Amino acid sequence: MKTGLKNVFPKSKRIEDDEVLSQIRSYPCTICLAPAPSQACHWHSKGAKGDDTLENLYSACFTHHREQHDQGIKTFYEKYKEKTKTFRRIFNLPDLDIWWEDEVT
């Protein structure tokens, strides 16, 4: 039986910026430097209103993308925060926009 809730709470359309996604995929893995192409990964997921911006994306090999999903983004970020910041400086990428960074202990 259909309840019609899909129409009551419509899912927002996913907007992708193909140029930014292609740029991120052209980098090696942020964590282990496995060669490109990489997967474009979001710090703030699409479901959490994360955008396809350089401030919200990082490049990852399949292994590290899977690790991020298995551990959860906050644990993953805390584990690799320094590598991520160094990678972004080397590749001249903007600082991350991590709104929950102060919550990570």
Protein backbone atom coordinates (compact mmCIF):
# COMPACT_ATOMS: atom_id res chain seq x y z
CA MET A 1 0.00 0.00 0.00
CA LYS A 2 1.39 3.38 -0.98
CA THR A 3 1.15 6.11 1.63
CA GLY A 4 1.94 9.09 -0.57
CA LEU A 5 4.66 10.30 1.81
CA LYS A 6 7.02 10.64 -1.11
CA ASN A 7 4.94 13.55 -2.35
CA VAL A 8 4.64 15.11 1.11
CA PHE A 9 8.41 15.07 1.68
CA PRO A 10 9.96 15.34 -1.78
CA LYS A 11 13.67 14.69 -1.98
CA SER A 12 15.59 17.72 -3.15
CA LYS A 13 17.16 17.35 -6.56
CA ARG A 14 20.84 16.49 -6.43
CA ILE A 15 22.87 19.24 -8.00
CA GLU A 16 26.30 18.24 -9.22
CA ASP A 17 29.10 20.49 -10.38
CA ASP A 18 30.80 18.30 -12.98
CA GLU A 19 33.78 20.65 -13.34
CA VAL A 20 34.59 20.58 -9.62
CA LEU A 21 33.99 16.82 -9.39
CA SER A 22 36.35 16.24 -12.34
CA GLN A 23 39.01 18.41 -10.72
CA ILE A 24 38.82 16.45 -7.45
CA ARG A 25 38.93 13.11 -9.31
CA SER A 26 42.12 14.23 -11.07
CA TYR A 27 44.05 14.31 -7.78
CA PRO A 28 45.69 11.35 -6.06
CA CYS A 29 44.13 9.97 -2.91
CA THR A 30 44.32 12.57 -0.15
CA ILE A 31 45.33 9.93 2.41
CA CYS A 32 47.71 7.47 0.70
CA LEU A 33 48.50 9.34 -2.55
CA ALA A 34 47.33 6.43 -4.73
CA PRO A 35 47.36 7.78 -8.28
CA ALA A 36 44.36 9.40 -9.94
CA PRO A 37 41.67 8.93 -10.92
CA SER A 38 40.21 9.12 -7.45
CA GLN A 39 36.70 9.17 -6.11
CA ALA A 40 35.24 12.58 -5.24
CA CYS A 41 34.10 12.34 -1.61
CA HIS A 42 32.04 14.75 0.47
CA TRP A 43 32.88 15.85 4.01
CA HIS A 44 29.25 16.91 4.39
CA SER A 45 27.07 14.44 2.51
CA LYS A 46 24.44 15.43 -0.01
CA GLY A 47 21.83 14.38 2.56
CA ALA A 48 23.35 16.84 5.05
CA LYS A 49 23.10 19.62 2.46
CA GLY A 50 26.71 19.21 1.36
CA ASP A 51 27.58 20.90 -1.90
CA ASP A 52 29.94 19.99 -4.71
CA THR A 53 32.49 22.63 -3.74
CA LEU A 54 36.24 22.43 -3.31
CA GLU A 55 35.71 23.27 0.38
CA ASN A 56 33.49 20.21 0.85
CA LEU A 57 35.19 17.60 -1.35
CA TYR A 58 38.31 15.48 -1.11
CA SER A 59 39.85 12.83 -3.34
CA ALA A 60 40.11 9.26 -2.13
CA CYS A 61 40.99 5.84 -3.42
CA PHE A 62 38.28 3.20 -3.07
CA THR A 63 39.85 1.86 0.15
CA HIS A 64 39.86 5.20 1.95
CA HIS A 65 36.40 6.16 0.69
CA ARG A 66 35.09 2.86 2.06
CA GLU A 67 36.95 3.48 5.36
CA GLN A 68 35.25 6.87 5.66
CA HIS A 69 31.82 5.28 5.31
CA ASP A 70 32.67 2.42 7.69
CA GLN A 71 34.13 4.64 10.44
CA GLY A 72 31.91 7.66 10.08
CA ILE A 73 33.05 11.02 8.82
CA LYS A 74 33.98 12.56 12.17
CA THR A 75 36.24 9.66 13.20
CA PHE A 76 37.76 9.54 9.72
CA TYR A 77 38.41 13.29 9.74
CA GLU A 78 40.05 13.19 13.16
CA LYS A 79 42.28 10.30 12.07
CA TYR A 80 43.42 12.01 8.85
CA LYS A 81 43.04 15.71 9.67
CA GLU A 82 46.72 16.59 9.37
CA LYS A 83 47.24 14.61 6.14
CA THR A 84 44.18 16.32 4.68
CA LYS A 85 45.37 19.80 5.61
CA THR A 86 48.86 19.12 4.22
CA PHE A 87 47.44 17.71 0.97
CA ARG A 88 45.23 20.78 0.52
CA ARG A 89 48.19 23.12 1.03
CA ILE A 90 50.37 21.22 -1.47
CA PHE A 91 47.64 21.24 -4.14
CA ASN A 92 46.62 24.82 -3.35
CA LEU A 93 43.05 23.87 -2.44
CA PRO A 94 40.88 26.04 -0.20
CA ASP A 95 40.51 25.24 3.49
CA LEU A 96 37.83 22.75 4.39
CA ASP A 97 34.48 23.98 5.60
CA ILE A 98 34.06 21.55 8.50
CA TRP A 99 31.26 22.87 10.69
CA TRP A 100 31.58 20.08 13.26
CA GLU A 101 35.37 20.28 13.66
CA ASP A 102 35.07 21.72 17.18
CA GLU A 103 32.84 18.80 18.16
CA VAL A 104 35.52 16.19 17.37
CA THR A 105 37.39 15.11 20.48
